[in-house]
Amino acid sequence: MKLFKTCFLLLLIFSFTYCSKDKADEIISKQGLDLSTTSVRLDTQTTFKKVSVLNAKGNYTVRSLNSTIAEVRLVDNEFVIIGIGTGKATILVQDSEDRRGAVDVEVSGIDRPATKSYLIYVKKNTTRTLHHPYPREEGFKLLGDLDNELINISSLGKDKLKIVGKELGSTDIIVEQDYWNAVNYKMKIVDVYPLLTTIGSHSTDKVGLAAFLDIIKIGNGGYKIESADSAIAIGSIEPYLPSSRPIEIDYYNEVYISYETFGKVGTTTITITDAAGLKAESHITFKAK
């Protein structure tokens, strides 16, 4: 009986080993693709690496098994591996005949922030100047159709873009550095700008010019401000001061709202109306000490 059990266990081990070998052989047989390299190391000095597929049949696809460590994209007849964060990743390659290849990637010292995304409004048949702090001298470049039926984009100095809105619609423009997508400008061409502000509720117990302010990010100009009770507080439109507060990329109107209180206890609603008739409200409360 003991001998029988021993033989049975040996048979199981042999069968498992044989099946595992078959599975491994199947994977190896599918490898099939010859790559210019199968191992890549990336760091702060070498942030990306181009790899060639030497014998692909038809089109091929690439993907990263850990995109938080390394990303990959097709560029002409090669693919580019981009370091994102410290660690290890594997890049898989597959052609139209299901032949496969893999690249082991090790990344050290690289810690890229997430791609920034901005929603940029441009009015049809108008020109907008966009704050763009990504100079070409530092390796940044624009990707996308910069002159199509919707928009025309051109550089204006070192830190601005000139955007002409042509037709209503949306399109994406990517700001790239060493194959990494640093910024995504989501361009939206509209007939009328929305009225977007940082307006909210504020309170104070001090009389005079308030320490808080609100910014009109985007609007249609011609702003009017009304207070429901001017004995509590009023608002005023002021020029935006980039020296004291940096201009955000997706802000269009370089103006802000300052507030002044006069000592009456209570809450007043201050209404901002732009030239298109769009409104926004802030609520200012003056409290007794």
Protein backbone atom coordinates (compact mmCIF):
# COMPACT_ATOMS: atom_id res chain seq x y z
CA MET A 1 0.00 0.00 0.00
CA LYS A 2 2.82 2.36 0.92
CA LEU A 3 4.59 1.54 -2.33
CA PHE A 4 1.37 2.25 -4.25
CA LYS A 5 1.01 5.69 -2.63
CA THR A 6 4.64 6.52 -3.40
CA CYS A 7 4.23 5.56 -7.07
CA PHE A 8 1.00 7.53 -7.29
CA LEU A 9 2.69 10.67 -5.90
CA LEU A 10 5.59 10.31 -8.32
CA LEU A 11 3.11 9.97 -11.19
CA LEU A 12 1.33 13.17 -10.12
CA ILE A 13 4.61 15.10 -9.86
CA PHE A 14 5.70 13.82 -13.30
CA SER A 15 2.33 14.76 -14.84
CA PHE A 16 2.37 18.25 -13.29
CA THR A 17 5.95 18.84 -14.44
CA TYR A 18 5.13 17.63 -17.94
CA CYS A 19 2.00 19.83 -18.17
CA SER A 20 3.90 22.85 -16.83
CA LYS A 21 6.62 22.27 -19.40
CA ASP A 22 4.01 22.08 -22.17
CA LYS A 23 2.50 25.37 -21.02
CA ALA A 24 5.89 27.06 -20.83
CA ASP A 25 6.81 25.73 -24.27
CA GLU A 26 3.53 27.11 -25.63
CA ILE A 27 4.31 30.58 -24.23
CA ILE A 28 7.87 30.45 -25.56
CA SER A 29 6.63 29.39 -28.99
CA LYS A 30 4.36 32.41 -29.03
CA GLN A 31 7.23 34.74 -28.17
CA GLY A 32 8.34 34.68 -31.78
CA LEU A 33 9.05 38.42 -32.11
CA ASP A 34 12.62 39.65 -32.32
CA LEU A 35 13.11 42.93 -30.45
CA SER A 36 16.12 45.25 -30.53
CA THR A 37 16.32 44.76 -26.75
CA THR A 38 14.42 42.80 -24.10
CA SER A 39 15.69 44.71 -21.08
CA VAL A 40 15.56 48.46 -20.41
CA ARG A 41 16.74 50.59 -17.51
CA LEU A 42 15.45 54.13 -17.14
CA ASP A 43 16.51 56.89 -14.74
CA THR A 44 16.68 60.67 -14.51
CA GLN A 45 19.37 60.77 -17.20
CA THR A 46 17.60 58.34 -19.56
CA THR A 47 13.86 58.89 -19.18
CA PHE A 48 12.78 56.96 -22.29
CA LYS A 49 14.02 54.24 -24.64
CA LYS A 50 13.09 53.38 -28.22
CA VAL A 51 12.70 49.70 -29.09
CA SER A 52 12.38 48.21 -32.59
CA VAL A 53 10.39 45.14 -33.61
CA LEU A 54 12.59 43.40 -36.16
CA ASN A 55 10.25 40.80 -37.66
CA ALA A 56 6.62 41.80 -37.01
CA LYS A 57 3.97 40.63 -39.47
CA GLY A 58 1.45 43.36 -40.21
CA ASN A 59 0.51 45.77 -37.45
CA TYR A 60 1.48 45.16 -33.85
CA THR A 61 0.22 46.35 -30.50
CA VAL A 62 2.08 47.24 -27.31
CA ARG A 63 0.92 47.60 -23.71
CA SER A 64 2.43 48.06 -20.27
CA LEU A 65 1.48 45.70 -17.46
CA ASN A 66 2.18 48.49 -14.96
CA SER A 67 1.53 51.95 -16.38
CA THR A 68 2.36 53.62 -13.05
CA ILE A 69 5.97 52.49 -13.59
CA ALA A 70 6.34 52.71 -17.38
CA GLU A 71 4.13 53.77 -20.26
CA VAL A 72 4.54 52.79 -23.89
CA ARG A 73 3.45 54.26 -27.22
CA LEU A 74 3.94 53.51 -30.88
CA VAL A 75 6.08 55.99 -32.80
CA ASP A 76 6.52 55.25 -36.51
CA ASN A 77 8.01 51.73 -36.77
CA GLU A 78 9.20 51.64 -33.17
CA PHE A 79 7.72 51.82 -29.72
CA VAL A 80 8.91 54.13 -26.96
CA ILE A 81 9.04 53.13 -23.30
CA ILE A 82 8.66 56.10 -20.94
CA GLY A 83 9.64 55.98 -17.27
CA ILE A 84 6.86 57.17 -14.95
CA GLY A 85 7.75 55.98 -11.44
CA THR A 86 10.35 53.88 -9.62
CA GLY A 87 9.84 50.11 -9.89
CA LYS A 88 9.62 47.30 -12.42
CA ALA A 89 7.24 46.76 -15.32
CA THR A 90 6.83 44.53 -18.37
CA ILE A 91 5.98 45.73 -21.87
CA LEU A 92 4.11 43.19 -24.03
CA VAL A 93 4.25 43.25 -27.83
CA GLN A 94 1.98 41.28 -30.16
CA ASP A 95 1.70 41.24 -33.95
CA SER A 96 -1.19 40.34 -36.26
CA GLU A 97 -0.19 36.63 -36.26
CA ASP A 98 -0.31 36.46 -32.44
CA ARG A 99 3.46 36.29 -32.12
CA ARG A 100 4.65 37.95 -28.96
CA GLY A 101 7.60 39.58 -27.31
CA ALA A 102 8.30 41.24 -23.98
CA VAL A 103 10.61 43.88 -22.55
CA ASP A 104 11.52 43.95 -18.86
CA VAL A 105 11.74 47.53 -17.57
CA GLU A 106 13.39 48.83 -14.44
CA VAL A 107 12.88 52.48 -13.49
CA SER A 108 14.78 54.32 -10.77
CA GLY A 109 14.71 57.94 -9.58
CA ILE A 110 11.81 59.01 -11.83
CA ASP A 111 8.61 60.29 -10.23
CA ARG A 112 6.42 62.06 -12.76
CA PRO A 113 3.26 63.85 -11.62
CA ALA A 114 -0.07 62.91 -13.17
CA THR A 115 -0.84 64.49 -16.53
CA LYS A 116 -2.46 67.89 -15.93
CA SER A 117 -5.72 68.53 -17.73
CA TYR A 118 -7.26 71.93 -18.48
CA LEU A 119 -10.59 72.74 -20.10
CA ILE A 120 -9.91 75.71 -22.38
CA TYR A 121 -12.82 77.70 -23.81
CA VAL A 122 -12.38 79.67 -27.03
CA LYS A 123 -15.13 81.72 -28.59
CA LYS A 124 -15.93 81.11 -32.25
CA ASN A 125 -14.48 83.73 -34.63
CA THR A 126 -12.34 85.26 -31.89
CA THR A 127 -8.70 85.05 -30.84
CA ARG A 128 -7.67 84.08 -27.33
CA THR A 129 -4.23 84.34 -25.72
CA LEU A 130 -3.51 81.40 -23.42
CA HIS A 131 -0.93 81.38 -20.62
CA HIS A 132 1.39 78.48 -21.58
CA PRO A 133 4.38 78.01 -19.21
CA TYR A 134 5.88 75.10 -21.15
CA PRO A 135 8.71 76.53 -23.29
CA ARG A 136 10.14 74.72 -26.27
CA GLU A 137 13.63 75.38 -24.88
CA GLU A 138 12.86 72.94 -22.05
CA GLY A 139 11.88 70.17 -24.44
CA PHE A 140 8.11 70.75 -24.47
CA LYS A 141 6.22 70.48 -27.75
CA LEU A 142 2.61 70.53 -28.87
CA LEU A 143 0.98 67.42 -30.31
CA GLY A 144 -2.28 67.36 -32.20
CA ASP A 145 -3.79 69.10 -35.19
CA LEU A 146 -2.85 72.72 -34.55
CA ASP A 147 -4.64 73.99 -37.64
CA ASN A 148 -7.90 72.25 -38.42
CA GLU A 149 -11.53 73.13 -39.06
CA LEU A 150 -12.04 74.01 -35.37
CA ILE A 151 -8.97 75.96 -34.26
CA ASN A 152 -5.64 77.45 -35.24
CA ILE A 153 -2.89 77.50 -32.60
CA SER A 154 0.46 79.28 -32.76
CA SER A 155 3.15 80.24 -30.24
CA LEU A 156 3.26 83.80 -28.95
CA GLY A 157 6.55 84.47 -27.20
CA LYS A 158 7.93 81.96 -24.70
CA ASP A 159 4.91 81.46 -22.47
CA LYS A 160 1.77 82.14 -24.49
CA LEU A 161 -0.32 80.52 -27.22
CA LYS A 162 -2.55 82.33 -29.68
CA ILE A 163 -5.74 80.39 -30.35
CA VAL A 164 -8.24 81.26 -33.07
CA GLY A 165 -11.66 79.64 -32.75
CA LYS A 166 -13.14 78.68 -36.13
CA GLU A 167 -16.08 76.32 -35.65
CA LEU A 168 -18.01 74.95 -32.68
CA GLY A 169 -16.68 71.70 -31.28
CA SER A 170 -13.99 70.10 -29.11
CA THR A 171 -10.44 68.91 -29.69
CA ASP A 172 -7.47 67.86 -27.54
CA ILE A 173 -3.96 69.30 -27.73
CA ILE A 174 -1.18 67.51 -25.85
CA VAL A 175 1.92 69.16 -24.36
CA GLU A 176 4.67 66.54 -24.53
CA GLN A 177 8.13 66.35 -23.00
CA ASP A 178 10.40 63.41 -23.89
CA TYR A 179 7.34 61.42 -25.06
CA TRP A 180 5.57 61.98 -21.74
CA ASN A 181 2.18 63.72 -21.84
CA ALA A 182 2.71 66.56 -19.37
CA VAL A 183 -0.50 68.48 -20.12
CA ASN A 184 -3.76 67.91 -21.95
CA TYR A 185 -5.50 71.04 -23.23
CA LYS A 186 -9.14 70.14 -23.83
CA MET A 187 -10.16 72.88 -26.27
CA LYS A 188 -13.83 73.76 -26.53
CA ILE A 189 -15.03 76.27 -29.12
CA VAL A 190 -18.27 77.97 -28.06
CA ASP A 191 -20.62 80.80 -29.07
CA VAL A 192 -20.76 82.20 -25.53
CA TYR A 193 -18.35 81.70 -22.65
CA PRO A 194 -19.75 80.17 -19.49
CA LEU A 195 -19.50 82.32 -16.37
CA LEU A 196 -17.08 80.40 -14.15
CA THR A 197 -15.93 81.91 -10.88
CA THR A 198 -14.47 81.01 -7.49
CA ILE A 199 -17.42 82.80 -5.89
CA GLY A 200 -18.79 81.36 -2.66
CA SER A 201 -19.71 82.45 0.86
CA HIS A 202 -17.50 84.64 3.06
CA SER A 203 -17.77 86.11 6.53
CA THR A 204 -15.87 88.75 8.49
CA ASP A 205 -16.12 90.87 11.62
CA LYS A 206 -13.85 93.66 10.32
CA VAL A 207 -15.09 96.85 8.68
CA GLY A 208 -13.41 97.97 5.46
CA LEU A 209 -11.71 96.19 2.56
CA ALA A 210 -12.08 92.45 3.13
CA ALA A 211 -9.12 90.09 3.22
CA PHE A 212 -10.88 87.64 0.87
CA LEU A 213 -11.56 87.98 -2.86
CA ASP A 214 -13.13 86.01 -5.70
CA ILE A 215 -11.88 85.45 -9.22
CA ILE A 216 -13.88 85.49 -12.43
CA LYS A 217 -12.15 82.65 -14.26
CA ILE A 218 -14.14 82.85 -17.49
CA GLY A 219 -16.93 85.14 -18.59
CA ASN A 220 -18.12 87.48 -21.32
CA GLY A 221 -16.93 90.82 -19.94
CA GLY A 222 -19.07 93.88 -19.23
CA TYR A 223 -19.47 92.82 -15.61
CA LYS A 224 -22.00 94.50 -13.33
CA ILE A 225 -22.13 93.96 -9.57
CA GLU A 226 -25.14 94.58 -7.35
CA SER A 227 -25.50 94.11 -3.59
CA ALA A 228 -28.87 93.28 -2.07
CA ASP A 229 -27.85 95.35 0.97
CA SER A 230 -24.99 97.77 0.39
CA ALA A 231 -24.95 98.71 4.10
CA ILE A 232 -23.52 95.25 4.77
CA ALA A 233 -21.09 94.88 1.85
CA ILE A 234 -20.44 95.74 -1.79
CA GLY A 235 -18.25 94.22 -4.47
CA SER A 236 -15.95 95.80 -7.09
CA ILE A 237 -14.20 94.55 -10.21
CA GLU A 238 -10.40 94.94 -9.99
CA PRO A 239 -7.51 94.19 -12.36
CA TYR A 240 -5.91 90.79 -11.86
CA LEU A 241 -2.42 91.15 -10.33
CA PRO A 242 -0.15 88.30 -11.44
CA SER A 243 2.66 89.70 -9.27
CA SER A 244 0.72 88.78 -6.13
CA ARG A 245 -1.20 85.80 -7.50
CA PRO A 246 -0.08 83.62 -10.44
CA ILE A 247 -2.29 83.43 -13.51
CA GLU A 248 -3.87 80.00 -13.84
CA ILE A 249 -3.71 78.43 -17.27
CA ASP A 250 -7.45 77.92 -17.67
CA TYR A 251 -8.43 81.41 -16.44
CA TYR A 252 -9.47 83.75 -19.21
CA ASN A 253 -10.50 87.09 -17.69
CA GLU A 254 -7.70 88.71 -15.72
CA VAL A 255 -10.07 90.35 -13.21
CA TYR A 256 -11.17 89.63 -9.67
CA ILE A 257 -13.82 90.80 -7.22
CA SER A 258 -12.90 92.65 -4.04
CA TYR A 259 -15.35 93.21 -1.20
CA GLU A 260 -15.84 96.02 1.30
CA THR A 261 -17.96 95.88 4.46
CA PHE A 262 -19.56 98.78 6.35
CA GLY A 263 -20.49 97.49 9.79
CA LYS A 264 -24.11 96.42 9.47
CA VAL A 265 -24.59 92.92 10.88
CA GLY A 266 -26.18 90.40 8.53
CA THR A 267 -25.78 88.66 5.18
CA THR A 268 -26.10 90.17 1.73
CA THR A 269 -26.18 88.57 -1.70
CA ILE A 270 -23.87 90.12 -4.28
CA THR A 271 -24.81 89.32 -7.88
CA ILE A 272 -22.35 89.43 -10.78
CA THR A 273 -23.81 89.66 -14.30
CA ASP A 274 -21.77 89.49 -17.51
CA ALA A 275 -22.50 90.90 -20.99
CA ALA A 276 -24.26 87.66 -22.02
CA GLY A 277 -26.66 87.95 -19.08
CA LEU A 278 -25.09 85.06 -17.15
CA LYS A 279 -25.12 85.49 -13.37
CA ALA A 280 -23.18 84.30 -10.33
CA GLU A 281 -23.83 85.05 -6.67
CA SER A 282 -21.66 85.44 -3.59
CA HIS A 283 -22.90 85.72 -0.01
CA ILE A 284 -21.12 88.07 2.39
CA THR A 285 -21.85 87.93 6.10
CA PHE A 286 -20.79 90.63 8.58
CA LYS A 287 -20.70 89.35 12.15
CA ALA A 288 -20.62 91.37 15.36
CA LYS A 289 -17.47 90.98 17.43
